[in-house]
Each structure stands twice: as structure tokens, then as C-alpha cells.
PDB file of N, CA and C in Angstrom:
ATOM      1  N   THR A   1      31.190 -18.586  95.016  1.00  0.00           N
ATOM      2  CA  THR A   1      32.435 -17.858  94.793  1.00  0.00           C
ATOM      3  C   THR A   1      32.521 -16.666  95.735  1.00  0.00           C
ATOM      4  N   SER A   2      33.727 -16.186  95.927  1.00  0.00           N
ATOM      5  CA  SER A   2      33.957 -15.036  96.783  1.00  0.00           C
ATOM      6  C   SER A   2      34.887 -14.041  96.098  1.00  0.00           C
ATOM      7  N   PRO A   3      34.512 -12.773  96.087  1.00  0.00           N
ATOM      8  CA  PRO A   3      35.405 -11.770  95.497  1.00  0.00           C
ATOM      9  C   PRO A   3      36.630 -11.486  96.377  1.00  0.00           C
ATOM     10  N   PHE A   4      36.680 -12.076  97.559  1.00  0.00           N
ATOM     11  CA  PHE A   4      37.788 -11.829  98.481  1.00  0.00           C
ATOM     12  C   PHE A   4      38.939 -12.817  98.296  1.00  0.00           C
ATOM     13  N   ILE A   5      38.757 -13.832  97.451  1.00  0.00           N
ATOM     14  CA  ILE A   5      39.833 -14.764  97.089  1.00  0.00           C
ATOM     15  C   ILE A   5      40.230 -14.403  95.665  1.00  0.00           C
ATOM     16  N   ARG A   6      41.431 -13.866  95.508  1.00  0.00           N
ATOM     17  CA  ARG A   6      41.819 -13.288  94.219  1.00  0.00           C
ATOM     18  C   ARG A   6      42.970 -14.042  93.572  1.00  0.00           C
ATOM     19  N   VAL A   7      42.786 -14.326  92.288  1.00  0.00           N
ATOM     20  CA  VAL A   7      43.802 -15.006  91.500  1.00  0.00           C
ATOM     21  C   VAL A   7      43.975 -14.275  90.177  1.00  0.00           C
ATOM     22  N   ASP A   8      45.004 -14.627  89.440  1.00  0.00           N
ATOM     23  CA  ASP A   8      45.232 -14.064  88.115  1.00  0.00           C
ATOM     24  C   ASP A   8      44.227 -14.699  87.155  1.00  0.00           C
ATOM     25  N   GLN A   9      43.264 -13.955  86.696  1.00  0.00           N
ATOM     26  CA  GLN A   9      42.213 -14.493  85.833  1.00  0.00           C
ATOM     27  C   GLN A   9      42.735 -14.937  84.464  1.00  0.00           C
ATOM     28  N   PHE A  10      43.920 -14.472  84.082  1.00  0.00           N
ATOM     29  CA  PHE A  10      44.477 -14.844  82.783  1.00  0.00           C
ATOM     30  C   PHE A  10      45.311 -16.111  82.863  1.00  0.00           C
ATOM     31  N   GLY A  11      45.693 -16.517  84.060  1.00  0.00           N
ATOM     32  CA  GLY A  11      46.460 -17.740  84.227  1.00  0.00           C
ATOM     33  C   GLY A  11      47.906 -17.480  84.602  1.00  0.00           C
ATOM     34  N   TYR A  12      48.636 -18.561  84.728  1.00  0.00           N
ATOM     35  CA  TYR A  12      50.030 -18.521  85.165  1.00  0.00           C
ATOM     36  C   TYR A  12      50.861 -19.374  84.211  1.00  0.00           C
ATOM     37  N   PHE A  13      52.119 -18.978  84.011  1.00  0.00           N
ATOM     38  CA  PHE A  13      53.021 -19.832  83.246  1.00  0.00           C
ATOM     39  C   PHE A  13      53.256 -21.111  84.037  1.00  0.00           C
ATOM     40  N   GLN A  14      53.539 -22.190  83.327  1.00  0.00           N
ATOM     41  CA  GLN A  14      53.628 -23.511  83.944  1.00  0.00           C
ATOM     42  C   GLN A  14      54.603 -23.567  85.121  1.00  0.00           C
ATOM     43  N   ASN A  15      55.790 -23.056  84.996  1.00  0.00           N
ATOM     44  CA  ASN A  15      56.780 -23.164  86.065  1.00  0.00           C
ATOM     45  C   ASN A  15      56.992 -21.852  86.807  1.00  0.00           C
ATOM     46  N   ALA A  16      56.057 -20.945  86.696  1.00  0.00           N
ATOM     47  CA  ALA A  16      56.164 -19.641  87.355  1.00  0.00           C
ATOM     48  C   ALA A  16      55.652 -19.708  88.787  1.00  0.00           C
ATOM     49  N   ARG A  17      55.951 -18.674  89.552  1.00  0.00           N
ATOM     50  CA  ARG A  17      55.400 -18.561  90.895  1.00  0.00           C
ATOM     51  C   ARG A  17      53.902 -18.262  90.769  1.00  0.00           C
ATOM     52  N   LYS A  18      53.114 -18.955  91.569  1.00  0.00           N
ATOM     53  CA  LYS A  18      51.662 -18.788  91.536  1.00  0.00           C
ATOM     54  C   LYS A  18      51.185 -18.452  92.939  1.00  0.00           C
ATOM     55  N   VAL A  19      50.525 -17.318  93.074  1.00  0.00           N
ATOM     56  CA  VAL A  19      50.084 -16.846  94.390  1.00  0.00           C
ATOM     57  C   VAL A  19      48.640 -16.358  94.291  1.00  0.00           C
ATOM     58  N   ALA A  20      47.821 -16.802  95.236  1.00  0.00           N
ATOM     59  CA  ALA A  20      46.462 -16.276  95.400  1.00  0.00           C
ATOM     60  C   ALA A  20      46.509 -15.309  96.577  1.00  0.00           C
ATOM     61  N   VAL A  21      45.711 -14.263  96.516  1.00  0.00           N
ATOM     62  CA  VAL A  21      45.645 -13.266  97.589  1.00  0.00           C
ATOM     63  C   VAL A  21      44.231 -13.294  98.171  1.00  0.00           C
ATOM     64  N   VAL A  22      44.156 -13.339  99.487  1.00  0.00           N
ATOM     65  CA  VAL A  22      42.875 -13.321 100.190  1.00  0.00           C
ATOM     66  C   VAL A  22      42.830 -12.030 100.993  1.00  0.00           C
ATOM     67  N   VAL A  23      41.728 -11.296 100.897  1.00  0.00           N
ATOM     68  CA  VAL A  23      41.617 -10.007 101.585  1.00  0.00           C
ATOM     69  C   VAL A  23      40.372  -9.951 102.460  1.00  0.00           C
ATOM     70  N   SER A  24      40.456  -9.113 103.489  1.00  0.00           N
ATOM     71  CA  SER A  24      39.315  -8.848 104.360  1.00  0.00           C
ATOM     72  C   SER A  24      39.218  -7.347 104.568  1.00  0.00           C
ATOM     73  N   PRO A  25      38.179  -6.691 104.003  1.00  0.00           N
ATOM     74  CA  PRO A  25      38.028  -5.247 104.149  1.00  0.00           C
ATOM     75  C   PRO A  25      37.904  -4.830 105.621  1.00  0.00           C
ATOM     76  N   GLN A  26      38.640  -3.784 105.987  1.00  0.00           N
ATOM     77  CA  GLN A  26      38.635  -3.272 107.355  1.00  0.00           C
ATOM     78  C   GLN A  26      38.204  -1.813 107.419  1.00  0.00           C
ATOM     79  N   VAL A  27      38.665  -1.021 106.437  1.00  0.00           N
ATOM     80  CA  VAL A  27      38.425   0.414 106.415  1.00  0.00           C
ATOM     81  C   VAL A  27      37.999   0.799 105.005  1.00  0.00           C
ATOM     82  N   GLY A  28      37.098   1.754 104.885  1.00  0.00           N
ATOM     83  CA  GLY A  28      36.699   2.236 103.571  1.00  0.00           C
ATOM     84  C   GLY A  28      35.284   1.835 103.220  1.00  0.00           C
ATOM     85  N   SER A  29      34.951   1.979 101.936  1.00  0.00           N
ATOM     86  CA  SER A  29      33.573   1.799 101.487  1.00  0.00           C
ATOM     87  C   SER A  29      33.063   0.364 101.654  1.00  0.00           C
ATOM     88  N   ASN A  30      33.950  -0.618 101.630  1.00  0.00           N
ATOM     89  CA  ASN A  30      33.500  -2.006 101.775  1.00  0.00           C
ATOM     90  C   ASN A  30      33.827  -2.592 103.148  1.00  0.00           C
ATOM     91  N   ALA A  31      34.093  -1.747 104.128  1.00  0.00           N
ATOM     92  CA  ALA A  31      34.454  -2.212 105.475  1.00  0.00           C
ATOM     93  C   ALA A  31      33.331  -2.998 106.139  1.00  0.00           C
ATOM     94  N   GLY A  32      32.110  -2.837 105.684  1.00  0.00           N
ATOM     95  CA  GLY A  32      30.983  -3.556 106.262  1.00  0.00           C
ATOM     96  C   GLY A  32      30.886  -5.012 105.814  1.00  0.00           C
ATOM     97  N   THR A  33      31.818  -5.444 104.958  1.00  0.00           N
ATOM     98  CA  THR A  33      31.792  -6.821 104.464  1.00  0.00           C
ATOM     99  C   THR A  33      33.126  -7.527 104.721  1.00  0.00           C
ATOM    100  N   PRO A  34      33.543  -7.633 105.980  1.00  0.00           N
ATOM    101  CA  PRO A  34      34.814  -8.326 106.242  1.00  0.00           C
ATOM    102  C   PRO A  34      34.707  -9.802 105.855  1.00  0.00           C
ATOM    103  N   PHE A  35      35.821 -10.384 105.468  1.00  0.00           N
ATOM    104  CA  PHE A  35      35.880 -11.787 105.061  1.00  0.00           C
ATOM    105  C   PHE A  35      36.677 -12.558 106.101  1.00  0.00           C
ATOM    106  N   PRO A  36      36.059 -13.525 106.789  1.00  0.00           N
ATOM    107  CA  PRO A  36      36.753 -14.280 107.838  1.00  0.00           C
ATOM    108  C   PRO A  36      37.578 -15.437 107.256  1.00  0.00           C
ATOM    109  N   ALA A  37      38.679 -15.119 106.601  1.00  0.00           N
ATOM    110  CA  ALA A  37      39.508 -16.133 105.945  1.00  0.00           C
ATOM    111  C   ALA A  37      39.887 -17.252 106.920  1.00  0.00           C
ATOM    112  N   SER A  38      39.851 -18.460 106.443  1.00  0.00           N
ATOM    113  CA  SER A  38      40.236 -19.620 107.258  1.00  0.00           C
ATOM    114  C   SER A  38      41.760 -19.694 107.309  1.00  0.00           C
ATOM    115  N   THR A  39      42.310 -19.608 108.491  1.00  0.00           N
ATOM    116  CA  THR A  39      43.765 -19.522 108.616  1.00  0.00           C
ATOM    117  C   THR A  39      44.401 -20.764 109.230  1.00  0.00           C
ATOM    118  N   GLY A  40      43.632 -21.811 109.451  1.00  0.00           N
ATOM    119  CA  GLY A  40      44.186 -23.044 109.999  1.00  0.00           C
ATOM    120  C   GLY A  40      45.010 -23.795 108.962  1.00  0.00           C
ATOM    121  N   PRO A  41      45.708 -24.833 109.409  1.00  0.00           N
ATOM    122  CA  PRO A  41      46.553 -25.613 108.495  1.00  0.00           C
ATOM    123  C   PRO A  41      45.764 -26.255 107.358  1.00  0.00           C
ATOM    124  N   ASN A  42      46.276 -26.097 106.163  1.00  0.00           N
ATOM    125  CA  ASN A  42      45.739 -26.731 104.952  1.00  0.00           C
ATOM    126  C   ASN A  42      44.251 -26.499 104.726  1.00  0.00           C
ATOM    127  N   GLN A  43      43.770 -25.305 105.035  1.00  0.00           N
ATOM    128  CA  GLN A  43      42.351 -25.005 104.824  1.00  0.00           C
ATOM    129  C   GLN A  43      42.074 -24.377 103.466  1.00  0.00           C
ATOM    130  N   TYR A  44      43.120 -24.190 102.669  1.00  0.00           N
ATOM    131  CA  TYR A  44      42.919 -23.702 101.308  1.00  0.00           C
ATOM    132  C   TYR A  44      43.400 -24.762 100.336  1.00  0.00           C
ATOM    133  N   GLN A  45      42.621 -24.952  99.288  1.00  0.00           N
ATOM    134  CA  GLN A  45      42.937 -25.981  98.308  1.00  0.00           C
ATOM    135  C   GLN A  45      42.942 -25.385  96.901  1.00  0.00           C
ATOM    136  N   VAL A  46      43.732 -26.006  96.034  1.00  0.00           N
ATOM    137  CA  VAL A  46      43.628 -25.761  94.604  1.00  0.00           C
ATOM    138  C   VAL A  46      42.874 -26.962  94.071  1.00  0.00           C
ATOM    139  N   ARG A  47      41.758 -26.671  93.400  1.00  0.00           N
ATOM    140  CA  ARG A  47      40.912 -27.741  92.854  1.00  0.00           C
ATOM    141  C   ARG A  47      40.826 -27.613  91.340  1.00  0.00           C
ATOM    142  N   ARG A  48      40.822 -28.775  90.686  1.00  0.00           N
ATOM    143  CA  ARG A  48      40.663 -28.804  89.236  1.00  0.00           C
ATOM    144  C   ARG A  48      39.215 -28.460  88.890  1.00  0.00           C
ATOM    145  N   TRP A  49      39.030 -27.551  87.971  1.00  0.00           N
ATOM    146  CA  TRP A  49      37.700 -27.055  87.608  1.00  0.00           C
ATOM    147  C   TRP A  49      36.784 -28.163  87.081  1.00  0.00           C
ATOM    148  N   ALA A  50      37.318 -29.061  86.273  1.00  0.00           N
ATOM    149  CA  ALA A  50      36.495 -30.066  85.597  1.00  0.00           C
ATOM    150  C   ALA A  50      35.827 -31.057  86.547  1.00  0.00           C
ATOM    151  N   ASP A  51      36.528 -31.444  87.635  1.00  0.00           N
ATOM    152  CA  ASP A  51      35.985 -32.498  88.481  1.00  0.00           C
ATOM    153  C   ASP A  51      36.138 -32.239  89.988  1.00  0.00           C
ATOM    154  N   ASP A  52      36.550 -31.048  90.369  1.00  0.00           N
ATOM    155  CA  ASP A  52      36.741 -30.657  91.778  1.00  0.00           C
ATOM    156  C   ASP A  52      37.819 -31.459  92.507  1.00  0.00           C
ATOM    157  N   ALA A  53      38.678 -32.170  91.782  1.00  0.00           N
ATOM    158  CA  ALA A  53      39.753 -32.927  92.421  1.00  0.00           C
ATOM    159  C   ALA A  53      40.732 -31.964  93.092  1.00  0.00           C
ATOM    160  N   VAL A  54      41.134 -32.277  94.325  1.00  0.00           N
ATOM    161  CA  VAL A  54      42.093 -31.456  95.055  1.00  0.00           C
ATOM    162  C   VAL A  54      43.492 -31.807  94.565  1.00  0.00           C
ATOM    163  N   VAL A  55      44.213 -30.801  94.034  1.00  0.00           N
ATOM    164  CA  VAL A  55      45.568 -31.038  93.535  1.00  0.00           C
ATOM    165  C   VAL A  55      46.627 -30.427  94.454  1.00  0.00           C
ATOM    166  N   PHE A  56      46.199 -29.599  95.411  1.00  0.00           N
ATOM    167  CA  PHE A  56      47.128 -28.992  96.369  1.00  0.00           C
ATOM    168  C   PHE A  56      46.329 -28.480  97.561  1.00  0.00           C
ATOM    169  N   SER A  57      46.898 -28.644  98.754  1.00  0.00           N
ATOM    170  CA  SER A  57      46.330 -28.060  99.977  1.00  0.00           C
ATOM    171  C   SER A  57      47.421 -27.249 100.640  1.00  0.00           C
ATOM    172  N   GLY A  58      47.049 -26.076 101.149  1.00  0.00           N
ATOM    173  CA  GLY A  58      48.046 -25.220 101.783  1.00  0.00           C
ATOM    174  C   GLY A  58      47.444 -24.311 102.836  1.00  0.00           C
ATOM    175  N   THR A  59      48.322 -23.626 103.536  1.00  0.00           N
ATOM    176  CA  THR A  59      47.951 -22.741 104.631  1.00  0.00           C
ATOM    177  C   THR A  59      48.231 -21.303 104.234  1.00  0.00           C
ATOM    178  N   LEU A  60      47.283 -20.417 104.520  1.00  0.00           N
ATOM    179  CA  LEU A  60      47.489 -18.994 104.234  1.00  0.00           C
ATOM    180  C   LEU A  60      48.640 -18.440 105.067  1.00  0.00           C
ATOM    181  N   GLN A  61      49.381 -17.520 104.463  1.00  0.00           N
ATOM    182  CA  GLN A  61      50.436 -16.794 105.164  1.00  0.00           C
ATOM    183  C   GLN A  61      49.944 -15.358 105.352  1.00  0.00           C
ATOM    184  N   VAL A  62      49.991 -14.869 106.567  1.00  0.00           N
ATOM    185  CA  VAL A  62      49.483 -13.532 106.865  1.00  0.00           C
ATOM    186  C   VAL A  62      50.412 -12.465 106.275  1.00  0.00           C
ATOM    187  N   TRP A  63      49.833 -11.383 105.787  1.00  0.00           N
ATOM    188  CA  TRP A  63      50.596 -10.267 105.234  1.00  0.00           C
ATOM    189  C   TRP A  63      50.938  -9.281 106.350  1.00  0.00           C
ATOM    190  N   LYS A  64      52.213  -8.955 106.499  1.00  0.00           N
ATOM    191  CA  LYS A  64      52.699  -7.931 107.431  1.00  0.00           C
ATOM    192  C   LYS A  64      52.128  -8.056 108.838  1.00  0.00           C
ATOM    193  N   ASP A  65      52.170  -9.260 109.399  1.00  0.00           N
ATOM    194  CA  ASP A  65      51.719  -9.516 110.773  1.00  0.00           C
ATOM    195  C   ASP A  65      50.281  -9.092 111.038  1.00  0.00           C
ATOM    196  N   GLY A  66      49.433  -9.127 110.022  1.00  0.00           N
ATOM    197  CA  GLY A  66      48.022  -8.797 110.190  1.00  0.00           C
ATOM    198  C   GLY A  66      47.701  -7.317 110.087  1.00  0.00           C
ATOM    199  N   ALA A  67      48.642  -6.525 109.600  1.00  0.00           N
ATOM    200  CA  ALA A  67      48.409  -5.083 109.450  1.00  0.00           C
ATOM    201  C   ALA A  67      47.369  -4.811 108.361  1.00  0.00           C
ATOM    202  N   THR A  68      46.688  -3.697 108.486  1.00  0.00           N
ATOM    203  CA  THR A  68      45.760  -3.258 107.447  1.00  0.00           C
ATOM    204  C   THR A  68      46.530  -2.412 106.446  1.00  0.00           C
ATOM    205  N   GLN A  69      46.444  -2.756 105.176  1.00  0.00           N
ATOM    206  CA  GLN A  69      47.135  -2.004 104.130  1.00  0.00           C
ATOM    207  C   GLN A  69      46.459  -0.650 103.973  1.00  0.00           C
ATOM    208  N   THR A  70      47.236   0.418 104.016  1.00  0.00           N
ATOM    209  CA  THR A  70      46.657   1.766 104.074  1.00  0.00           C
ATOM    210  C   THR A  70      45.843   2.162 102.852  1.00  0.00           C
ATOM    211  N   GLN A  71      46.311   1.871 101.668  1.00  0.00           N
ATOM    212  CA  GLN A  71      45.592   2.314 100.473  1.00  0.00           C
ATOM    213  C   GLN A  71      44.300   1.540 100.235  1.00  0.00           C
ATOM    214  N   SER A  72      44.322   0.244 100.443  1.00  0.00           N
ATOM    215  CA  SER A  72      43.121  -0.558 100.178  1.00  0.00           C
ATOM    216  C   SER A  72      42.191  -0.632 101.381  1.00  0.00           C
ATOM    217  N   GLY A  73      42.748  -0.497 102.590  1.00  0.00           N
ATOM    218  CA  GLY A  73      41.954  -0.660 103.799  1.00  0.00           C
ATOM    219  C   GLY A  73      41.688  -2.112 104.137  1.00  0.00           C
ATOM    220  N   ASP A  74      42.467  -3.034 103.538  1.00  0.00           N
ATOM    221  CA  ASP A  74      42.250  -4.467 103.722  1.00  0.00           C
ATOM    222  C   ASP A  74      43.381  -5.116 104.512  1.00  0.00           C
ATOM    223  N   LYS A  75      43.030  -6.158 105.258  1.00  0.00           N
ATOM    224  CA  LYS A  75      44.022  -7.076 105.797  1.00  0.00           C
ATOM    225  C   LYS A  75      44.194  -8.143 104.721  1.00  0.00           C
ATOM    226  N   GLY A  76      45.347  -8.783 104.707  1.00  0.00           N
ATOM    227  CA  GLY A  76      45.558  -9.744 103.638  1.00  0.00           C
ATOM    228  C   GLY A  76      46.357 -10.970 104.035  1.00  0.00           C
ATOM    229  N   TRP A  77      46.213 -11.988 103.208  1.00  0.00           N
ATOM    230  CA  TRP A  77      46.942 -13.243 103.308  1.00  0.00           C
ATOM    231  C   TRP A  77      47.312 -13.664 101.897  1.00  0.00           C
ATOM    232  N   TRP A  78      48.253 -14.575 101.776  1.00  0.00           N
ATOM    233  CA  TRP A  78      48.586 -15.108 100.467  1.00  0.00           C
ATOM    234  C   TRP A  78      48.778 -16.609 100.553  1.00  0.00           C
ATOM    235  N   LEU A  79      48.539 -17.268  99.438  1.00  0.00           N
ATOM    236  CA  LEU A  79      48.702 -18.710  99.316  1.00  0.00           C
ATOM    237  C   LEU A  79      49.586 -18.965  98.109  1.00  0.00           C
ATOM    238  N   ASP A  80      50.757 -19.526  98.352  1.00  0.00           N
ATOM    239  CA  ASP A  80      51.673 -19.873  97.265  1.00  0.00           C
ATOM    240  C   ASP A  80      51.370 -21.301  96.826  1.00  0.00           C
ATOM    241  N   PHE A  81      50.952 -21.454  95.588  1.00  0.00           N
ATOM    242  CA  PHE A  81      50.657 -22.781  95.048  1.00  0.00           C
ATOM    243  C   PHE A  81      51.508 -23.054  93.809  1.00  0.00           C
ATOM    244  N   SER A  82      52.746 -22.578  93.862  1.00  0.00           N
ATOM    245  CA  SER A  82      53.669 -22.716  92.735  1.00  0.00           C
ATOM    246  C   SER A  82      53.968 -24.154  92.356  1.00  0.00           C
ATOM    247  N   VAL A  83      53.742 -25.096  93.257  1.00  0.00           N
ATOM    248  CA  VAL A  83      54.010 -26.508  92.959  1.00  0.00           C
ATOM    249  C   VAL A  83      53.022 -27.087  91.947  1.00  0.00           C
ATOM    250  N   VAL A  84      51.910 -26.412  91.715  1.00  0.00           N
ATOM    251  CA  VAL A  84      50.931 -26.891  90.728  1.00  0.00           C
ATOM    252  C   VAL A  84      51.446 -26.484  89.346  1.00  0.00           C
ATOM    253  N   ASN A  85      51.874 -27.468  88.576  1.00  0.00           N
ATOM    254  CA  ASN A  85      52.467 -27.184  87.263  1.00  0.00           C
ATOM    255  C   ASN A  85      51.790 -27.880  86.095  1.00  0.00           C
ATOM    256  N   THR A  86      50.762 -28.651  86.353  1.00  0.00           N
ATOM    257  CA  THR A  86      50.049 -29.313  85.267  1.00  0.00           C
ATOM    258  C   THR A  86      49.085 -28.319  84.628  1.00  0.00           C
ATOM    259  N   PRO A  87      49.196 -28.104  83.321  1.00  0.00           N
ATOM    260  CA  PRO A  87      48.281 -27.177  82.655  1.00  0.00           C
ATOM    261  C   PRO A  87      46.824 -27.596  82.857  1.00  0.00           C
ATOM    262  N   GLY A  88      45.958 -26.614  83.017  1.00  0.00           N
ATOM    263  CA  GLY A  88      44.539 -26.888  83.187  1.00  0.00           C
ATOM    264  C   GLY A  88      43.822 -25.713  83.805  1.00  0.00           C
ATOM    265  N   SER A  89      42.561 -25.910  84.138  1.00  0.00           N
ATOM    266  CA  SER A  89      41.746 -24.877  84.777  1.00  0.00           C
ATOM    267  C   SER A  89      41.511 -25.269  86.227  1.00  0.00           C
ATOM    268  N   TYR A  90      41.796 -24.344  87.130  1.00  0.00           N
ATOM    269  CA  TYR A  90      41.727 -24.599  88.563  1.00  0.00           C
ATOM    270  C   TYR A  90      41.056 -23.430  89.276  1.00  0.00           C
ATOM    271  N   TYR A  91      40.690 -23.645  90.529  1.00  0.00           N
ATOM    272  CA  TYR A  91      40.227 -22.553  91.373  1.00  0.00           C
ATOM    273  C   TYR A  91      40.711 -22.795  92.791  1.00  0.00           C
ATOM    274  N   ILE A  92      40.717 -21.732  93.601  1.00  0.00           N
ATOM    275  CA  ILE A  92      41.130 -21.798  94.998  1.00  0.00           C
ATOM    276  C   ILE A  92      39.878 -21.972  95.841  1.00  0.00           C
ATOM    277  N   PHE A  93      39.938 -22.841  96.858  1.00  0.00           N
ATOM    278  CA  PHE A  93      38.766 -23.145  97.672  1.00  0.00           C
ATOM    279  C   PHE A  93      39.100 -23.066  99.158  1.00  0.00           C
ATOM    280  N   ASP A  94      38.275 -22.335  99.914  1.00  0.00           N
ATOM    281  CA  ASP A  94      38.390 -22.239 101.374  1.00  0.00           C
ATOM    282  C   ASP A  94      37.521 -23.355 101.953  1.00  0.00           C
ATOM    283  N   THR A  95      38.159 -24.363 102.565  1.00  0.00           N
ATOM    284  CA  THR A  95      37.415 -25.547 103.021  1.00  0.00           C
ATOM    285  C   THR A  95      36.501 -25.277 104.200  1.00  0.00           C
ATOM    286  N   GLU A  96      36.856 -24.331 105.048  1.00  0.00           N
ATOM    287  CA  GLU A  96      36.010 -24.044 106.213  1.00  0.00           C
ATOM    288  C   GLU A  96      34.764 -23.253 105.838  1.00  0.00           C
ATOM    289  N   LEU A  97      34.933 -22.264 104.964  1.00  0.00           N
ATOM    290  CA  LEU A  97      33.803 -21.419 104.575  1.00  0.00           C
ATOM    291  C   LEU A  97      33.019 -21.983 103.387  1.00  0.00           C
ATOM    292  N   GLY A  98      33.613 -22.910 102.663  1.00  0.00           N
ATOM    293  CA  GLY A  98      32.936 -23.500 101.515  1.00  0.00           C
ATOM    294  C   GLY A  98      32.773 -22.552 100.353  1.00  0.00           C
ATOM    295  N   VAL A  99      33.756 -21.653 100.131  1.00  0.00           N
ATOM    296  CA  VAL A  99      33.702 -20.720  99.017  1.00  0.00           C
ATOM    297  C   VAL A  99      34.998 -20.798  98.218  1.00  0.00           C
ATOM    298  N   GLY A 100      34.898 -20.429  96.950  1.00  0.00           N
ATOM    299  CA  GLY A 100      36.068 -20.482  96.080  1.00  0.00           C
ATOM    300  C   GLY A 100      36.266 -19.211  95.301  1.00  0.00           C
ATOM    301  N   SER A 101      37.387 -19.166  94.602  1.00  0.00           N
ATOM    302  CA  SER A 101      37.697 -18.031  93.730  1.00  0.00           C
ATOM    303  C   SER A 101      36.904 -18.149  92.445  1.00  0.00           C
ATOM    304  N   TYR A 102      36.943 -17.078  91.650  1.00  0.00           N
ATOM    305  CA  TYR A 102      36.303 -17.126  90.328  1.00  0.00           C
ATOM    306  C   TYR A 102      37.135 -17.980  89.423  1.00  0.00           C
TER     307      TYR A 102
END
């Protein structure tokens, strides 16, 4: 797992917008641990927790043209996976780095 792939730990309503946020520290106390998010096509997946089945693949969208957010000191990306509407337990997975969300 990676603390740099962030999702709503409480879950999402079935037909609501669902977005994961990926961050890479640039400035501040955690700047020594940048996260090299995979930004190629379809390198992020939503996987079902029970059996690791891939239910969605998507591409990260960069936040503000790659700017570093001033308050957090992080660069960011987001993954919209709103098309996943089947109730269940899932996690986000970076296929290049082989790490997932909590």
C-alpha cells in the first residue's frame, strides 16, 4: 500500500462522483519522500478487494498543470472512477509501481 494514493475511507454513494487523489511531496517535512506516480494511459486500476479483479482502468489527470500546491507542498493528480457503481470493497492500484491504496 501507499499513503500517496488517497481515497475516501468511508466509501462513496453508488451513483456519486468518485475520485482518488495521488500526491507527490515536493516541499515541507515529507519532501524527502516524493512519489513517482505512473502517468501513462490506463496505469491506474480499480480492483475488487475480494479477488483483485480489475473493474476499471484509467489515466491520472494532472492537477493545475503540475503546480505544487502551496499549503500541502505536494504535486497532485486525480483519478475519476465514477463509472464504478456496483456496491463492494475496492482499492486503487498503480500498475507500474505495483502499489495500491488502503
